[in-house]
Amino acid sequence: MPQVSEENRLKILFLPAWYPSEVNPVGGVFVKEQAKRASLYKVVELMRKLRCLAK
């Protein structure tokens, strides 16, 4: 694979509905793994929504 400069790398933003957490460590683990693998070749940002459980 040819070397690509950091500024020319494709950028990917993940906005998953599911992502591992302390409460559910296996929820959305596939998203975490996919983002990890994509980051080998692309610039990856991951944002997740945190739920407030307090009422």
C-alpha atoms as a PDB file:
ATOM      1  CA  MET A   1       0.000   0.000   0.000  1.00  0.00           C
ATOM      2  CA  PRO A   2       1.498   3.398  -0.965  1.00  0.00           C
ATOM      3  CA  GLN A   3       2.212   5.867   1.818  1.00  0.00           C
ATOM      4  CA  VAL A   4      -0.370   8.650   2.121  1.00  0.00           C
ATOM      5  CA  SER A   5       0.320  11.841   4.028  1.00  0.00           C
ATOM      6  CA  GLU A   6      -1.753  12.536   7.139  1.00  0.00           C
ATOM      7  CA  GLU A   7      -3.482  15.518   5.514  1.00  0.00           C
ATOM      8  CA  ASN A   8      -4.545  13.433   2.485  1.00  0.00           C
ATOM      9  CA  ARG A   9      -5.941  10.512   4.466  1.00  0.00           C
ATOM     10  CA  LEU A  10      -9.664   9.863   4.205  1.00  0.00           C
ATOM     11  CA  LYS A  11     -11.498  10.996   7.327  1.00  0.00           C
ATOM     12  CA  ILE A  12     -14.315   8.925   8.869  1.00  0.00           C
ATOM     13  CA  LEU A  13     -16.734   9.935  11.618  1.00  0.00           C
ATOM     14  CA  PHE A  14     -18.531   7.171  13.521  1.00  0.00           C
ATOM     15  CA  LEU A  15     -21.777   8.131  15.283  1.00  0.00           C
ATOM     16  CA  PRO A  16     -22.842   4.802  16.795  1.00  0.00           C
ATOM     17  CA  ALA A  17     -26.111   4.182  18.593  1.00  0.00           C
ATOM     18  CA  TRP A  18     -24.336   1.397  20.506  1.00  0.00           C
ATOM     19  CA  TYR A  19     -20.853   1.417  21.980  1.00  0.00           C
ATOM     20  CA  PRO A  20     -19.258  -0.529  24.851  1.00  0.00           C
ATOM     21  CA  SER A  21     -19.611   1.026  28.301  1.00  0.00           C
ATOM     22  CA  GLU A  22     -19.120   0.031  31.923  1.00  0.00           C
ATOM     23  CA  VAL A  23     -22.813  -0.883  32.131  1.00  0.00           C
ATOM     24  CA  ASN A  24     -22.812  -2.856  28.854  1.00  0.00           C
ATOM     25  CA  PRO A  25     -19.237  -3.813  27.903  1.00  0.00           C
ATOM     26  CA  VAL A  26     -20.274  -5.855  24.838  1.00  0.00           C
ATOM     27  CA  GLY A  27     -22.905  -3.482  23.448  1.00  0.00           C
ATOM     28  CA  GLY A  28     -21.756  -2.334  20.018  1.00  0.00           C
ATOM     29  CA  VAL A  29     -18.346  -3.959  20.326  1.00  0.00           C
ATOM     30  CA  PHE A  30     -18.416  -4.431  16.538  1.00  0.00           C
ATOM     31  CA  VAL A  31     -18.451  -0.625  16.108  1.00  0.00           C
ATOM     32  CA  LYS A  32     -15.409  -0.273  18.342  1.00  0.00           C
ATOM     33  CA  GLU A  33     -13.546  -2.979  16.421  1.00  0.00           C
ATOM     34  CA  GLN A  34     -14.511  -1.512  13.034  1.00  0.00           C
ATOM     35  CA  ALA A  35     -13.295   1.954  14.073  1.00  0.00           C
ATOM     36  CA  LYS A  36     -10.036   0.464  15.385  1.00  0.00           C
ATOM     37  CA  ARG A  37      -9.387  -1.341  12.086  1.00  0.00           C
ATOM     38  CA  ALA A  38     -10.332   1.680   9.958  1.00  0.00           C
ATOM     39  CA  SER A  39      -7.918   3.862  11.935  1.00  0.00           C
ATOM     40  CA  LEU A  40      -5.009   1.844  10.528  1.00  0.00           C
ATOM     41  CA  TYR A  41      -5.642   3.441   7.110  1.00  0.00           C
ATOM     42  CA  LYS A  42      -7.840   6.460   7.754  1.00  0.00           C
ATOM     43  CA  VAL A  43      -8.266   9.263  10.274  1.00  0.00           C
ATOM     44  CA  VAL A  44     -11.127   8.184  12.540  1.00  0.00           C
ATOM     45  CA  GLU A  45     -13.202  10.226  14.962  1.00  0.00           C
ATOM     46  CA  LEU A  46     -15.773   8.572  17.154  1.00  0.00           C
ATOM     47  CA  MET A  47     -18.528  10.394  19.001  1.00  0.00           C
ATOM     48  CA  ARG A  48     -21.050   8.752  21.240  1.00  0.00           C
ATOM     49  CA  LYS A  49     -24.037   9.976  23.143  1.00  0.00           C
ATOM     50  CA  LEU A  50     -23.910   9.464  26.896  1.00  0.00           C
ATOM     51  CA  ARG A  51     -27.189   8.807  28.603  1.00  0.00           C
ATOM     52  CA  CYS A  52     -27.954  10.401  31.907  1.00  0.00           C
ATOM     53  CA  LEU A  53     -29.526   7.755  34.135  1.00  0.00           C
ATOM     54  CA  ALA A  54     -30.331  10.148  36.984  1.00  0.00           C
ATOM     55  CA  LYS A  55     -33.988  11.088  37.353  1.00  0.00           C
END
